[in-house]
Protein backbone atom coordinates (compact mmCIF):
# COMPACT_ATOMS: atom_id res chain seq x y z
CA UNK A 1 -60.28 -56.92 -48.49
CA UNK A 2 -58.28 -59.23 -46.24
CA UNK A 3 -58.64 -63.00 -45.97
CA UNK A 4 -60.32 -64.38 -42.86
CA UNK A 5 -59.76 -67.68 -41.08
CA UNK A 6 -61.76 -70.62 -42.37
CA UNK A 7 -62.17 -69.33 -45.93
CA UNK A 8 -60.97 -71.24 -48.98
CA UNK A 9 -58.37 -68.55 -49.71
CA UNK A 10 -57.08 -68.79 -46.13
CA UNK A 11 -56.56 -72.53 -46.52
CA UNK A 12 -54.82 -72.13 -49.88
CA UNK A 13 -52.50 -69.44 -48.52
CA UNK A 14 -51.54 -71.53 -45.51
CA UNK A 15 -50.98 -74.62 -47.66
CA UNK A 16 -48.65 -72.68 -49.93
CA UNK A 17 -46.80 -71.11 -47.03
CA UNK A 18 -46.21 -74.48 -45.39
CA UNK A 19 -44.50 -75.60 -48.62
CA UNK A 20 -42.61 -72.31 -48.79
CA UNK A 21 -41.34 -72.52 -45.24
CA UNK A 22 -40.48 -76.20 -45.71
CA UNK A 23 -38.42 -75.56 -48.84
CA UNK A 24 -36.53 -72.54 -47.52
CA UNK A 25 -35.35 -74.21 -44.33
CA UNK A 26 -34.72 -77.62 -45.88
CA UNK A 27 -32.50 -76.15 -48.60
CA UNK A 28 -30.74 -73.76 -46.26
CA UNK A 29 -30.01 -76.07 -43.32
CA UNK A 30 -29.58 -79.49 -44.94
CA UNK A 31 -25.78 -79.13 -44.60
CA UNK A 32 -25.86 -78.64 -40.83
CA UNK A 33 -25.67 -82.31 -39.76
CA UNK A 34 -23.15 -82.96 -42.53
CA UNK A 35 -20.53 -80.63 -41.07
CA UNK A 36 -18.52 -83.41 -39.36
CA UNK A 37 -18.47 -85.38 -42.63
CA UNK A 38 -17.32 -82.35 -44.61
CA UNK A 39 -14.69 -81.59 -41.99
CA UNK A 40 -13.30 -85.10 -42.44
CA UNK A 41 -13.47 -85.15 -46.26
CA UNK A 42 -12.05 -81.67 -46.86
CA UNK A 43 -9.72 -81.64 -43.79
CA UNK A 44 -11.45 -78.74 -42.04
CA UNK A 45 -11.75 -77.49 -38.47
CA UNK A 46 -15.27 -77.37 -36.94
CA UNK A 47 -15.31 -73.59 -37.41
CA UNK A 48 -14.33 -73.93 -41.08
CA UNK A 49 -16.98 -76.58 -41.73
CA UNK A 50 -19.63 -74.27 -40.26
CA UNK A 51 -18.96 -71.86 -43.14
CA UNK A 52 -21.03 -74.14 -45.38
CA UNK A 53 -24.03 -72.78 -43.50
CA UNK A 54 -22.72 -69.36 -42.49
CA UNK A 55 -21.98 -68.18 -46.04
CA UNK A 56 -25.55 -69.04 -47.05
CA UNK A 57 -27.16 -67.23 -44.15
CA UNK A 58 -24.88 -64.19 -44.57
CA UNK A 59 -25.70 -63.96 -48.29
CA UNK A 60 -29.37 -64.45 -47.49
CA UNK A 61 -29.27 -61.63 -44.96
CA UNK A 62 -27.86 -59.19 -47.54
CA UNK A 63 -30.25 -60.39 -50.24
CA UNK A 64 -33.32 -59.87 -48.08
CA UNK A 65 -33.28 -56.08 -48.26
CA UNK A 66 -32.66 -56.02 -52.02
CA UNK A 67 -35.42 -58.58 -52.56
CA UNK A 68 -37.90 -56.49 -50.59
CA UNK A 69 -37.24 -53.54 -52.91
CA UNK A 70 -37.65 -55.67 -56.03
CA UNK A 71 -40.85 -57.25 -54.70
CA UNK A 72 -42.38 -53.81 -54.17
CA UNK A 73 -41.99 -53.38 -57.94
CA UNK A 74 -42.70 -56.81 -59.45
CA UNK A 75 -45.04 -58.26 -56.82
CA UNK A 76 -44.83 -60.81 -54.02
CA UNK A 77 -45.74 -64.04 -55.81
CA UNK A 78 -43.17 -63.90 -58.67
CA UNK A 79 -40.37 -63.16 -56.20
CA UNK A 80 -41.25 -66.06 -53.92
CA UNK A 81 -41.66 -68.59 -56.75
CA UNK A 82 -38.36 -67.53 -58.32
CA UNK A 83 -36.58 -67.82 -54.98
CA UNK A 84 -37.81 -71.36 -54.35
CA UNK A 85 -36.99 -72.54 -57.87
CA UNK A 86 -33.51 -70.98 -57.86
CA UNK A 87 -32.73 -72.39 -54.43
CA UNK A 88 -33.68 -75.91 -55.48
CA UNK A 89 -31.51 -75.77 -58.62
CA UNK A 90 -28.49 -74.45 -56.71
CA UNK A 91 -28.88 -77.17 -54.08
CA UNK A 92 -28.73 -79.79 -56.82
CA UNK A 93 -25.56 -78.12 -58.11
CA UNK A 94 -23.97 -78.36 -54.63
CA UNK A 95 -24.09 -82.15 -54.91
CA UNK A 96 -21.57 -81.94 -57.79
CA UNK A 97 -19.05 -79.55 -56.16
CA UNK A 98 -15.51 -80.94 -56.42
CA UNK A 99 -13.83 -78.73 -53.82
CA UNK A 100 -14.88 -76.99 -50.63
CA UNK A 101 -14.41 -73.49 -52.13
CA UNK A 102 -16.74 -74.48 -54.98
CA UNK A 103 -19.30 -75.67 -52.46
CA UNK A 104 -19.05 -72.39 -50.55
CA UNK A 105 -19.63 -70.35 -53.72
CA UNK A 106 -22.73 -72.37 -54.57
CA UNK A 107 -24.00 -72.11 -51.02
CA UNK A 108 -23.52 -68.33 -51.10
CA UNK A 109 -25.50 -68.12 -54.35
CA UNK A 110 -28.16 -70.26 -52.69
CA UNK A 111 -28.45 -67.67 -49.93
CA UNK A 112 -28.85 -64.89 -52.51
CA UNK A 113 -31.60 -66.83 -54.29
CA UNK A 114 -33.52 -67.66 -51.11
CA UNK A 115 -33.52 -63.98 -50.12
CA UNK A 116 -36.67 -63.62 -52.21
CA UNK A 117 -38.73 -65.85 -49.93
CA UNK A 118 -38.77 -65.24 -46.14
CA UNK A 119 -39.34 -61.47 -45.88
CA UNK A 120 -41.68 -61.45 -48.86
CA UNK A 121 -43.73 -64.24 -47.30
CA UNK A 122 -44.07 -62.24 -44.07
CA UNK A 123 -45.09 -59.15 -46.05
CA UNK A 124 -47.59 -61.14 -48.12
CA UNK A 125 -49.23 -62.53 -45.00
CA UNK A 126 -49.31 -59.09 -43.38
CA UNK A 127 -51.09 -57.68 -46.45
CA UNK A 128 -53.51 -60.51 -47.19
CA UNK A 129 -54.53 -61.96 -43.81
CA UNK A 130 -56.88 -60.20 -41.41
CA UNK A 131 -55.08 -58.97 -38.24
CA UNK A 132 -57.02 -61.30 -35.92
CA UNK A 133 -55.76 -64.37 -37.83
CA UNK A 134 -52.22 -63.22 -38.64
CA UNK A 135 -50.64 -64.93 -35.65
CA UNK A 136 -52.10 -68.28 -36.73
CA UNK A 137 -50.94 -67.88 -40.35
CA UNK A 138 -47.47 -66.79 -39.31
CA UNK A 139 -47.30 -69.74 -36.94
CA UNK A 140 -48.24 -72.14 -39.75
CA UNK A 141 -45.57 -70.66 -42.01
CA UNK A 142 -42.97 -71.03 -39.28
CA UNK A 143 -44.29 -74.53 -38.58
CA UNK A 144 -43.60 -75.39 -42.22
CA UNK A 145 -40.13 -73.95 -41.76
CA UNK A 146 -39.62 -76.14 -38.72
CA UNK A 147 -40.76 -79.23 -40.63
CA UNK A 148 -38.43 -78.40 -43.52
CA UNK A 149 -35.51 -77.83 -41.21
CA UNK A 150 -36.21 -81.10 -39.45
CA UNK A 151 -36.78 -83.24 -42.52
CA UNK A 152 -33.82 -81.76 -44.39
CA UNK A 153 -31.46 -82.56 -41.53
CA UNK A 154 -32.85 -86.02 -40.78
CA UNK A 155 -32.89 -87.20 -44.39
CA UNK A 156 -29.40 -85.94 -45.18
CA UNK A 157 -28.05 -87.63 -42.04
CA UNK A 158 -29.66 -90.98 -42.79
CA UNK A 159 -28.74 -91.00 -46.49
CA UNK A 160 -25.16 -89.89 -45.78
CA UNK A 161 -24.78 -92.66 -43.21
CA UNK A 162 -25.31 -95.28 -45.93
CA UNK A 163 -24.30 -93.43 -49.10
CA UNK A 164 -22.56 -90.12 -49.83
CA UNK A 165 -23.50 -86.70 -48.48
CA UNK A 166 -23.76 -85.71 -52.18
CA UNK A 167 -26.70 -88.06 -52.70
CA UNK A 168 -28.30 -86.59 -49.60
CA UNK A 169 -28.05 -83.00 -50.85
CA UNK A 170 -29.28 -83.98 -54.33
CA UNK A 171 -32.38 -85.55 -52.77
CA UNK A 172 -33.16 -82.34 -50.87
CA UNK A 173 -32.78 -80.37 -54.11
CA UNK A 174 -35.36 -82.58 -55.83
CA UNK A 175 -37.75 -82.09 -52.90
CA UNK A 176 -37.23 -78.34 -53.29
CA UNK A 177 -38.31 -78.49 -56.93
CA UNK A 178 -41.53 -80.26 -55.97
CA UNK A 179 -42.21 -77.74 -53.17
CA UNK A 180 -41.80 -74.84 -55.64
CA UNK A 181 -44.40 -76.41 -57.93
CA UNK A 182 -46.87 -76.94 -55.10
CA UNK A 183 -46.31 -73.40 -53.82
CA UNK A 184 -47.09 -71.80 -57.17
CA UNK A 185 -50.12 -74.05 -57.66
CA UNK A 186 -51.62 -73.23 -54.27
CA UNK A 187 -50.89 -69.54 -53.60
CA UNK A 188 -53.63 -67.04 -54.54
CA UNK A 189 -52.52 -63.88 -56.29
CA UNK A 190 -52.10 -60.81 -54.10
CA UNK A 191 -55.27 -58.79 -53.66
CA UNK A 192 -53.94 -56.04 -51.40
CA UNK A 193 -50.47 -55.53 -52.90
CA UNK A 194 -49.78 -51.99 -54.06
CA UNK A 195 -46.74 -51.24 -56.13
CA UNK A 196 -44.36 -49.25 -53.93
CA UNK A 197 -41.89 -46.50 -54.51
CA UNK A 198 -38.60 -47.44 -56.09
CA UNK A 199 -35.03 -46.25 -55.70
CA UNK A 200 -32.51 -45.47 -52.99
CA UNK A 201 -34.48 -42.48 -51.70
CA UNK A 202 -37.44 -44.73 -50.89
CA UNK A 203 -35.11 -47.26 -49.28
CA UNK A 204 -33.54 -44.60 -47.07
CA UNK A 205 -36.96 -43.30 -46.07
CA UNK A 206 -38.16 -46.78 -45.21
CA UNK A 207 -35.05 -47.59 -43.22
CA UNK A 208 -35.35 -44.35 -41.28
CA UNK A 209 -39.00 -45.01 -40.49
CA UNK A 210 -38.45 -48.55 -39.23
CA UNK A 211 -35.20 -47.92 -37.35
CA UNK A 212 -36.65 -44.89 -35.53
CA UNK A 213 -39.66 -46.88 -34.36
CA UNK A 214 -39.38 -47.44 -30.58
CA UNK A 215 -40.13 -51.14 -30.89
CA UNK A 216 -38.93 -52.55 -34.20
CA UNK A 217 -35.14 -52.21 -33.60
CA UNK A 218 -35.50 -54.22 -30.39
CA UNK A 219 -37.32 -56.96 -32.30
CA UNK A 220 -34.53 -56.93 -34.89
CA UNK A 221 -31.91 -57.31 -32.16
CA UNK A 222 -33.90 -60.14 -30.61
CA UNK A 223 -33.97 -61.96 -33.95
CA UNK A 224 -30.15 -61.73 -34.16
CA UNK A 225 -29.60 -63.12 -30.67
CA UNK A 226 -32.21 -65.89 -30.64
CA UNK A 227 -31.37 -67.26 -34.06
CA UNK A 228 -27.65 -67.12 -33.25
CA UNK A 229 -28.30 -69.26 -30.18
CA UNK A 230 -30.48 -71.73 -32.00
CA UNK A 231 -28.13 -72.35 -34.92
CA UNK A 232 -25.09 -72.55 -32.64
CA UNK A 233 -26.62 -75.30 -30.55
CA UNK A 234 -27.51 -77.42 -33.58
CA UNK A 235 -24.19 -76.65 -35.32
CA UNK A 236 -22.07 -78.16 -32.58
CA UNK A 237 -24.24 -80.62 -30.67
CA UNK A 238 -23.39 -83.08 -33.46
CA UNK A 239 -19.67 -82.75 -32.77
CA UNK A 240 -20.34 -83.39 -29.09
CA UNK A 241 -22.53 -86.45 -29.57
CA UNK A 242 -20.27 -88.02 -32.23
CA UNK A 243 -17.26 -87.80 -29.90
CA UNK A 244 -16.45 -89.44 -26.58
CA UNK A 245 -18.10 -90.48 -24.34
CA UNK A 246 -21.25 -90.77 -26.48
CA UNK A 247 -19.93 -92.06 -29.83
CA UNK A 248 -23.24 -91.72 -31.71
CA UNK A 249 -23.64 -92.61 -35.40
CA UNK A 250 -24.21 -89.86 -37.96
CA UNK A 251 -27.82 -90.95 -38.50
CA UNK A 252 -28.51 -90.82 -34.75
CA UNK A 253 -27.17 -87.25 -34.59
CA UNK A 254 -29.38 -86.33 -37.52
CA UNK A 255 -32.42 -87.68 -35.71
CA UNK A 256 -31.95 -84.95 -33.10
CA UNK A 257 -33.46 -82.67 -35.73
CA UNK A 258 -36.75 -84.51 -35.22
CA UNK A 259 -37.06 -82.04 -32.33
CA UNK A 260 -38.16 -79.58 -35.00
CA UNK A 261 -41.53 -81.32 -34.85
CA UNK A 262 -41.94 -79.62 -31.49
CA UNK A 263 -41.36 -76.33 -33.28
CA UNK A 264 -44.25 -77.04 -35.64
CA UNK A 265 -46.55 -77.30 -32.64
CA UNK A 266 -45.03 -74.51 -30.58
CA UNK A 267 -45.05 -71.91 -33.37
CA UNK A 268 -48.78 -72.39 -34.01
CA UNK A 269 -49.56 -72.62 -30.29
CA UNK A 270 -47.59 -69.47 -29.50
CA UNK A 271 -49.19 -67.62 -32.44
CA UNK A 272 -52.67 -68.41 -31.14
CA UNK A 273 -51.69 -67.54 -27.58
CA UNK A 274 -50.18 -64.22 -28.66
CA UNK A 275 -53.32 -63.36 -30.66
CA UNK A 276 -55.32 -63.91 -27.48
CA UNK A 277 -53.06 -62.59 -24.70
CA UNK A 278 -50.80 -60.14 -26.53
CA UNK A 279 -47.21 -60.55 -27.63
CA UNK A 280 -45.77 -58.57 -24.74
CA UNK A 281 -47.23 -61.08 -22.28
CA UNK A 282 -46.06 -64.23 -24.09
CA UNK A 283 -42.61 -63.50 -25.52
CA UNK A 284 -40.51 -63.50 -22.35
CA UNK A 285 -42.25 -66.63 -21.04
CA UNK A 286 -41.43 -68.79 -24.08
CA UNK A 287 -37.86 -67.51 -24.05
CA UNK A 288 -37.56 -68.93 -20.55
CA UNK A 289 -38.13 -72.38 -22.04
CA UNK A 290 -35.09 -71.88 -24.28
CA UNK A 291 -32.87 -71.13 -21.30
CA UNK A 292 -34.15 -74.12 -19.32
CA UNK A 293 -33.49 -76.44 -22.25
CA UNK A 294 -30.00 -75.03 -22.80
CA UNK A 295 -29.03 -75.69 -19.18
CA UNK A 296 -30.23 -79.30 -19.44
CA UNK A 297 -27.71 -79.96 -22.23
CA UNK A 298 -24.90 -79.57 -19.67
CA UNK A 299 -25.83 -82.99 -18.30
CA UNK A 300 -23.67 -86.02 -19.02
CA UNK A 301 -26.62 -88.29 -19.80
CA UNK A 302 -28.44 -88.36 -23.18
CA UNK A 303 -31.63 -88.90 -21.20
CA UNK A 304 -31.35 -85.28 -20.06
CA UNK A 305 -29.52 -83.81 -23.06
CA UNK A 306 -32.14 -84.88 -25.62
CA UNK A 307 -35.13 -83.46 -23.66
CA UNK A 308 -33.08 -80.31 -23.14
CA UNK A 309 -32.64 -79.91 -26.89
CA UNK A 310 -36.37 -80.48 -27.32
CA UNK A 311 -37.30 -77.83 -24.75
CA UNK A 312 -34.82 -75.38 -26.28
CA UNK A 313 -36.29 -76.00 -29.76
CA UNK A 314 -39.87 -75.62 -28.53
CA UNK A 315 -39.02 -72.30 -26.92
CA UNK A 316 -37.12 -70.97 -29.92
CA UNK A 317 -39.88 -71.53 -32.47
CA UNK A 318 -42.47 -70.13 -30.09
CA UNK A 319 -40.31 -67.02 -29.57
CA UNK A 320 -39.71 -66.59 -33.29
CA UNK A 321 -43.42 -66.95 -34.05
CA UNK A 322 -44.33 -64.26 -31.52
CA UNK A 323 -41.57 -61.83 -32.52
CA UNK A 324 -42.06 -62.16 -36.30
CA UNK A 325 -45.83 -61.69 -36.12
CA UNK A 326 -45.22 -58.66 -33.87
CA UNK A 327 -43.17 -57.11 -36.68
CA UNK A 328 -46.02 -57.79 -39.12
CA UNK A 329 -48.51 -56.14 -36.76
CA UNK A 330 -46.41 -53.12 -35.82
CA UNK A 331 -44.66 -52.17 -39.07
CA UNK A 332 -46.06 -49.44 -41.28
CA UNK A 333 -45.38 -49.25 -45.02
CA UNK A 334 -43.09 -50.41 -46.55
CA UNK A 335 -43.95 -53.63 -44.73
CA UNK A 336 -41.72 -55.83 -46.89
CA UNK A 337 -38.70 -53.79 -45.82
CA UNK A 338 -39.60 -54.21 -42.14
CA UNK A 339 -39.86 -57.97 -42.61
CA UNK A 340 -36.56 -57.93 -44.51
CA UNK A 341 -34.81 -56.06 -41.70
CA UNK A 342 -36.10 -58.53 -39.11
CA UNK A 343 -34.82 -61.43 -41.17
CA UNK A 344 -31.59 -59.60 -42.03
CA UNK A 345 -30.70 -59.62 -38.35
CA UNK A 346 -32.15 -63.12 -37.94
CA UNK A 347 -29.81 -64.62 -40.53
CA UNK A 348 -26.86 -62.44 -39.57
CA UNK A 349 -27.23 -63.94 -36.10
CA UNK A 350 -27.11 -67.38 -37.64
CA UNK A 351 -23.95 -66.51 -39.59
CA UNK A 352 -22.03 -64.46 -37.03
CA UNK A 353 -22.90 -66.20 -33.77
CA UNK A 354 -22.85 -69.62 -35.45
CA UNK A 355 -19.29 -69.08 -36.66
CA UNK A 356 -17.97 -67.52 -33.44
CA UNK A 357 -19.36 -70.44 -31.46
CA UNK A 358 -17.09 -72.74 -33.47
CA UNK A 359 -14.05 -71.07 -31.94
CA UNK A 360 -15.60 -71.30 -28.48
CA UNK A 361 -16.25 -75.01 -29.00
CA UNK A 362 -12.62 -75.61 -30.01
CA UNK A 363 -11.30 -73.63 -27.03
CA UNK A 364 -13.67 -74.52 -24.19
CA UNK A 365 -15.86 -77.42 -25.29
CA UNK A 366 -19.56 -77.71 -24.64
CA UNK A 367 -19.42 -75.90 -21.29
CA UNK A 368 -17.99 -72.88 -23.08
CA UNK A 369 -20.71 -73.04 -25.74
CA UNK A 370 -23.45 -73.15 -23.11
CA UNK A 371 -21.84 -70.26 -21.22
CA UNK A 372 -21.76 -68.12 -24.35
CA UNK A 373 -25.31 -68.95 -25.40
CA UNK A 374 -26.55 -68.41 -21.85
CA UNK A 375 -25.08 -64.89 -21.86
CA UNK A 376 -26.80 -64.18 -25.18
CA UNK A 377 -30.13 -65.39 -23.81
CA UNK A 378 -29.69 -63.17 -20.75
CA UNK A 379 -29.35 -60.17 -23.06
CA UNK A 380 -32.44 -61.38 -24.94
CA UNK A 381 -34.44 -61.38 -21.69
CA UNK A 382 -33.52 -57.75 -21.10
CA UNK A 383 -34.83 -56.90 -24.57
CA UNK A 384 -38.04 -58.89 -24.03
CA UNK A 385 -38.73 -57.05 -20.79
CA UNK A 386 -38.07 -53.76 -22.60
CA UNK A 387 -40.62 -54.73 -25.25
CA UNK A 388 -43.11 -55.64 -22.53
CA UNK A 389 -43.28 -51.98 -21.53
CA UNK A 390 -43.64 -50.78 -25.13
CA UNK A 391 -46.79 -48.80 -25.80
CA UNK A 392 -48.91 -49.91 -28.78
CA UNK A 393 -49.07 -47.69 -31.83
CA UNK A 394 -51.63 -44.93 -31.46
CA UNK A 395 -53.82 -46.21 -34.27
CA UNK A 396 -57.01 -48.30 -34.17
CA UNK A 397 -57.43 -51.07 -33.45
CA UNK A 398 -54.97 -51.11 -30.59
CA UNK A 399 -55.02 -54.93 -30.40
CA UNK A 400 -53.67 -55.09 -33.93
CA UNK A 401 -50.33 -53.61 -32.92
CA UNK A 402 -49.94 -55.16 -29.49
């Protein structure tokens, strides 16, 4: 029996998932606004400083698939709680790293630990929430992720402006411990989880099923491209605004992450809209907002750049909400593996595109970055239009897989 909107269980699940999304993104992305500070302290290039994020997202991408297999054996809730607790402890350890290589090792381990959260959360929601309300629940989870990403960046920027970046990271680690406690306290036990097959044979069968689906691989590719664009913009907009002619303070750059508040609204709004109009009719429209916002950042005035970042952020979280809930609707068993594959490409995009963009920034400045990200978004539009012509799965109810 699935959980319906308005019930006590529905509210508890969404409360827990807001904390889960908050913790994952806060712990993962709290280093992003600190990259210029790390570059100065450890004598790094912008591309090298971006490794503090890229190693985490790359490790997370690899860990996602393994975590989905383990969760099919031990259950969803224990995996998610362990991921949040381990991530918080490793973030606290990062505050005491003496060298940059030590920091990178801890950040990589953080990515491995957090692999037990995102895909498992998507699978949990797909199993426990009724199809008609899944878009709303997924939007709330992504909204929590947006809030965590925003608050983690803003707080680390402000604290590091007055104290050390180490104090900033330690504070985020403590917040992660509290979020893990709230998550475990709020989340109901799984009612529809069924222990899955184990072993490499089951993994191969699941991979074959999902990768041969006519729609899922396109959604995986879209996750790679869109997340790569999003992380790249936030990775290097700080370098631009700190330098001439803007000369912003570190705390002011960090406040750009307040744009994530738009993502909290847009993810829920897009989830509701997709539930009503269908994902194929919404996805390519919200991606258009990303492109419009990206082009606005070419301006020389902060009065246009800042709204451009906001529009880009609004469009990204709306796109991610639609695409991720589409995976949850379309995927057959093993659902956790489908969610893991989506997020595998999602975080690989963050790692690969985010690092490559550092070289583009060094060689061609912000115009080069926008040119590269614009080309990636153009490819994403082609995929979105391809998905628009995708036929729903031939299984009732048709609306559940649209």
